[in-house]
Amino acid sequence: MDSQTSTNAAAREWAVLQPLYERYEFGALTIKLTAVVLFFGGIVVELHAAWLMLLIAVLWLQEGIFKTCQSRLGERLLVIERAIDAGDPAGAFALHSRWQAQRRGVVGLVREYLSSAIRPTVVFPYLVLLVLLWVFYA
């Protein structure tokens, strides 16, 4: 594959992955808003605190999974951008093969999800909801 073809392939991959990266951001925001709506809905119908806490935890972890997938796309986008800038865009369309080569097993995957879930931008609404839960039910 010549240099121009490689550059075009890398540019196409970037063009496909960038909107997906943004879509994951929208999905994470949707999970946050769903958590807030369901939390206050649960307060209104006087749902038991344990159920609300479980709901918050599930949505929090789900967002952690979303953000992990988004970060993989972000890492790949950066690799593509660096390769194009360096004039060496070989290896286009290798998102999954590169991820598979670096995969750390089930424990590593769970760690990756949890580390995404504790990032400040993810923690923010859920921590506030847990504090509000404590205030409403204390």
C-alpha atoms as a PDB file:
ATOM      1  CA  MET A   1       0.000   0.000   0.000  1.00  0.00           C
ATOM      2  CA  ASP A   2       1.502   3.348  -1.018  1.00  0.00           C
ATOM      3  CA  SER A   3       1.748   6.386   1.259  1.00  0.00           C
ATOM      4  CA  GLN A   4      -1.218   8.231  -0.269  1.00  0.00           C
ATOM      5  CA  THR A   5      -3.482   5.188   0.078  1.00  0.00           C
ATOM      6  CA  SER A   6      -2.363   4.724   3.695  1.00  0.00           C
ATOM      7  CA  THR A   7      -3.065   8.376   4.447  1.00  0.00           C
ATOM      8  CA  ASN A   8      -6.511   8.117   2.879  1.00  0.00           C
ATOM      9  CA  ALA A   9      -7.277   4.954   4.867  1.00  0.00           C
ATOM     10  CA  ALA A  10      -6.172   6.600   8.112  1.00  0.00           C
ATOM     11  CA  ALA A  11      -8.223   9.699   7.308  1.00  0.00           C
ATOM     12  CA  ARG A  12     -11.282   7.543   6.605  1.00  0.00           C
ATOM     13  CA  GLU A  13     -10.811   5.679   9.879  1.00  0.00           C
ATOM     14  CA  TRP A  14     -10.524   8.985  11.742  1.00  0.00           C
ATOM     15  CA  ALA A  15     -13.671  10.273  10.014  1.00  0.00           C
ATOM     16  CA  VAL A  16     -15.590   7.182  11.126  1.00  0.00           C
ATOM     17  CA  LEU A  17     -14.298   7.106  14.717  1.00  0.00           C
ATOM     18  CA  GLN A  18     -14.623  10.814  15.579  1.00  0.00           C
ATOM     19  CA  PRO A  19     -18.453  10.917  15.405  1.00  0.00           C
ATOM     20  CA  LEU A  20     -18.581   7.682  17.412  1.00  0.00           C
ATOM     21  CA  TYR A  21     -16.413   9.300  20.086  1.00  0.00           C
ATOM     22  CA  GLU A  22     -18.891  12.193  20.293  1.00  0.00           C
ATOM     23  CA  ARG A  23     -21.830   9.781  20.354  1.00  0.00           C
ATOM     24  CA  TYR A  24     -20.365   8.078  23.435  1.00  0.00           C
ATOM     25  CA  GLU A  25     -20.234  11.499  25.117  1.00  0.00           C
ATOM     26  CA  PHE A  26     -23.913  11.989  24.319  1.00  0.00           C
ATOM     27  CA  GLY A  27     -24.673   8.503  25.669  1.00  0.00           C
ATOM     28  CA  ALA A  28     -22.849   9.247  28.919  1.00  0.00           C
ATOM     29  CA  LEU A  29     -24.796  12.486  29.323  1.00  0.00           C
ATOM     30  CA  THR A  30     -28.026  10.578  28.678  1.00  0.00           C
ATOM     31  CA  ILE A  31     -27.126   8.107  31.437  1.00  0.00           C
ATOM     32  CA  LYS A  32     -26.454  11.017  33.835  1.00  0.00           C
ATOM     33  CA  LEU A  33     -29.776  12.682  33.038  1.00  0.00           C
ATOM     34  CA  THR A  34     -31.605   9.363  33.345  1.00  0.00           C
ATOM     35  CA  ALA A  35     -30.076   8.889  36.790  1.00  0.00           C
ATOM     36  CA  VAL A  36     -31.259  12.321  37.922  1.00  0.00           C
ATOM     37  CA  VAL A  37     -34.791  11.837  36.580  1.00  0.00           C
ATOM     38  CA  LEU A  38     -35.136   8.331  38.034  1.00  0.00           C
ATOM     39  CA  PHE A  39     -33.674   9.480  41.360  1.00  0.00           C
ATOM     40  CA  PHE A  40     -36.216  12.267  41.794  1.00  0.00           C
ATOM     41  CA  GLY A  41     -38.978  10.015  40.470  1.00  0.00           C
ATOM     42  CA  GLY A  42     -37.989   7.473  43.107  1.00  0.00           C
ATOM     43  CA  ILE A  43     -38.115  10.156  45.795  1.00  0.00           C
ATOM     44  CA  VAL A  44     -41.604  11.217  44.658  1.00  0.00           C
ATOM     45  CA  VAL A  45     -42.976   7.658  44.773  1.00  0.00           C
ATOM     46  CA  GLU A  46     -41.103   7.040  48.054  1.00  0.00           C
ATOM     47  CA  LEU A  47     -38.978   4.209  46.721  1.00  0.00           C
ATOM     48  CA  HIS A  48     -36.877   2.550  49.408  1.00  0.00           C
ATOM     49  CA  ALA A  49     -33.411   4.094  49.780  1.00  0.00           C
ATOM     50  CA  ALA A  50     -31.682   0.771  49.042  1.00  0.00           C
ATOM     51  CA  TRP A  51     -33.378   0.547  45.629  1.00  0.00           C
ATOM     52  CA  LEU A  52     -32.415   4.117  44.817  1.00  0.00           C
ATOM     53  CA  MET A  53     -28.831   3.442  45.860  1.00  0.00           C
ATOM     54  CA  LEU A  54     -28.745   0.330  43.667  1.00  0.00           C
ATOM     55  CA  LEU A  55     -30.181   2.292  40.737  1.00  0.00           C
ATOM     56  CA  ILE A  56     -27.568   5.026  41.153  1.00  0.00           C
ATOM     57  CA  ALA A  57     -24.765   2.447  41.406  1.00  0.00           C
ATOM     58  CA  VAL A  58     -25.887   0.591  38.271  1.00  0.00           C
ATOM     59  CA  LEU A  59     -26.135   3.773  36.211  1.00  0.00           C
ATOM     60  CA  TRP A  60     -22.810   5.016  37.580  1.00  0.00           C
ATOM     61  CA  LEU A  61     -21.063   1.789  36.557  1.00  0.00           C
ATOM     62  CA  GLN A  62     -22.825   1.813  33.191  1.00  0.00           C
ATOM     63  CA  GLU A  63     -21.447   5.268  32.535  1.00  0.00           C
ATOM     64  CA  GLY A  64     -18.008   4.002  33.566  1.00  0.00           C
ATOM     65  CA  ILE A  65     -18.294   1.318  30.893  1.00  0.00           C
ATOM     66  CA  PHE A  66     -19.394   3.908  28.325  1.00  0.00           C
ATOM     67  CA  LYS A  67     -16.483   6.189  29.190  1.00  0.00           C
ATOM     68  CA  THR A  68     -14.052   3.263  28.952  1.00  0.00           C
ATOM     69  CA  CYS A  69     -15.242   2.488  25.427  1.00  0.00           C
ATOM     70  CA  GLN A  70     -15.039   6.174  24.562  1.00  0.00           C
ATOM     71  CA  SER A  71     -11.485   6.411  25.884  1.00  0.00           C
ATOM     72  CA  ARG A  72     -10.453   3.483  23.672  1.00  0.00           C
ATOM     73  CA  LEU A  73     -11.773   5.362  20.670  1.00  0.00           C
ATOM     74  CA  GLY A  74      -9.997   8.498  21.862  1.00  0.00           C
ATOM     75  CA  GLU A  75      -6.696   6.652  22.189  1.00  0.00           C
ATOM     76  CA  ARG A  76      -7.091   5.266  18.684  1.00  0.00           C
ATOM     77  CA  LEU A  77      -7.941   8.712  17.302  1.00  0.00           C
ATOM     78  CA  LEU A  78      -4.742  10.090  18.842  1.00  0.00           C
ATOM     79  CA  VAL A  79      -2.684   7.252  17.321  1.00  0.00           C
ATOM     80  CA  ILE A  80      -4.178   7.996  13.902  1.00  0.00           C
ATOM     81  CA  GLU A  81      -3.576  11.741  14.239  1.00  0.00           C
ATOM     82  CA  ARG A  82       0.053  11.242  15.286  1.00  0.00           C
ATOM     83  CA  ALA A  83       0.620   8.806  12.418  1.00  0.00           C
ATOM     84  CA  ILE A  84      -0.844  11.199   9.857  1.00  0.00           C
ATOM     85  CA  ASP A  85       1.221  14.091  11.270  1.00  0.00           C
ATOM     86  CA  ALA A  86       4.363  11.955  11.106  1.00  0.00           C
ATOM     87  CA  GLY A  87       3.581  10.957   7.527  1.00  0.00           C
ATOM     88  CA  ASP A  88       3.423   7.272   8.470  1.00  0.00           C
ATOM     89  CA  PRO A  89      -0.265   6.322   8.638  1.00  0.00           C
ATOM     90  CA  ALA A  90       0.276   2.591   8.113  1.00  0.00           C
ATOM     91  CA  GLY A  91      -1.953   0.328  10.167  1.00  0.00           C
ATOM     92  CA  ALA A  92      -5.273   2.024   9.502  1.00  0.00           C
ATOM     93  CA  PHE A  93      -8.427   0.181  10.493  1.00  0.00           C
ATOM     94  CA  ALA A  94      -6.747  -1.652  13.364  1.00  0.00           C
ATOM     95  CA  LEU A  95      -8.893  -0.553  16.324  1.00  0.00           C
ATOM     96  CA  HIS A  96      -9.890  -4.004  17.544  1.00  0.00           C
ATOM     97  CA  SER A  97      -6.703  -5.870  16.696  1.00  0.00           C
ATOM     98  CA  ARG A  98      -4.642  -3.334  18.658  1.00  0.00           C
ATOM     99  CA  TRP A  99      -7.070  -3.446  21.585  1.00  0.00           C
ATOM    100  CA  GLN A 100      -7.057  -7.259  21.521  1.00  0.00           C
ATOM    101  CA  ALA A 101      -3.250  -7.294  21.600  1.00  0.00           C
ATOM    102  CA  GLN A 102      -3.237  -5.065  24.698  1.00  0.00           C
ATOM    103  CA  ARG A 103      -6.185  -6.689  26.479  1.00  0.00           C
ATOM    104  CA  ARG A 104      -5.478  -7.475  30.128  1.00  0.00           C
ATOM    105  CA  GLY A 105      -8.106 -10.134  30.818  1.00  0.00           C
ATOM    106  CA  VAL A 106     -11.308  -9.932  32.848  1.00  0.00           C
ATOM    107  CA  VAL A 107      -9.714  -8.421  35.961  1.00  0.00           C
ATOM    108  CA  GLY A 108      -7.965  -5.788  33.859  1.00  0.00           C
ATOM    109  CA  LEU A 109     -11.212  -5.000  32.081  1.00  0.00           C
ATOM    110  CA  VAL A 110     -13.079  -4.551  35.372  1.00  0.00           C
ATOM    111  CA  ARG A 111     -10.258  -2.332  36.666  1.00  0.00           C
ATOM    112  CA  GLU A 112     -10.491  -0.263  33.511  1.00  0.00           C
ATOM    113  CA  TYR A 113     -14.262   0.166  33.973  1.00  0.00           C
ATOM    114  CA  LEU A 114     -13.874   1.121  37.640  1.00  0.00           C
ATOM    115  CA  SER A 115     -11.072   3.564  36.924  1.00  0.00           C
ATOM    116  CA  SER A 116     -13.303   5.283  34.363  1.00  0.00           C
ATOM    117  CA  ALA A 117     -16.168   5.339  36.867  1.00  0.00           C
ATOM    118  CA  ILE A 118     -14.104   7.245  39.457  1.00  0.00           C
ATOM    119  CA  ARG A 119     -13.027  10.039  37.130  1.00  0.00           C
ATOM    120  CA  PRO A 120     -14.342  13.405  38.414  1.00  0.00           C
ATOM    121  CA  THR A 121     -16.469  14.064  35.331  1.00  0.00           C
ATOM    122  CA  VAL A 122     -18.213  10.725  35.840  1.00  0.00           C
ATOM    123  CA  VAL A 123     -18.423  10.801  39.652  1.00  0.00           C
ATOM    124  CA  PHE A 124     -19.981  14.251  39.910  1.00  0.00           C
ATOM    125  CA  PRO A 125     -23.713  13.653  39.520  1.00  0.00           C
ATOM    126  CA  TYR A 126     -23.746  10.272  41.230  1.00  0.00           C
ATOM    127  CA  LEU A 127     -21.933  11.493  44.322  1.00  0.00           C
ATOM    128  CA  VAL A 128     -24.364  14.410  44.569  1.00  0.00           C
ATOM    129  CA  LEU A 129     -27.298  12.007  44.208  1.00  0.00           C
ATOM    130  CA  LEU A 130     -25.908   9.759  46.947  1.00  0.00           C
ATOM    131  CA  VAL A 131     -25.522  12.762  49.272  1.00  0.00           C
ATOM    132  CA  LEU A 132     -29.088  13.836  48.473  1.00  0.00           C
ATOM    133  CA  LEU A 133     -30.257  10.293  49.142  1.00  0.00           C
ATOM    134  CA  TRP A 134     -28.607  10.430  52.553  1.00  0.00           C
ATOM    135  CA  VAL A 135     -30.207  13.853  53.244  1.00  0.00           C
ATOM    136  CA  PHE A 136     -33.703  12.740  52.190  1.00  0.00           C
ATOM    137  CA  TYR A 137     -33.624   9.414  54.022  1.00  0.00           C
ATOM    138  CA  ALA A 138     -31.544  10.266  57.121  1.00  0.00           C
END
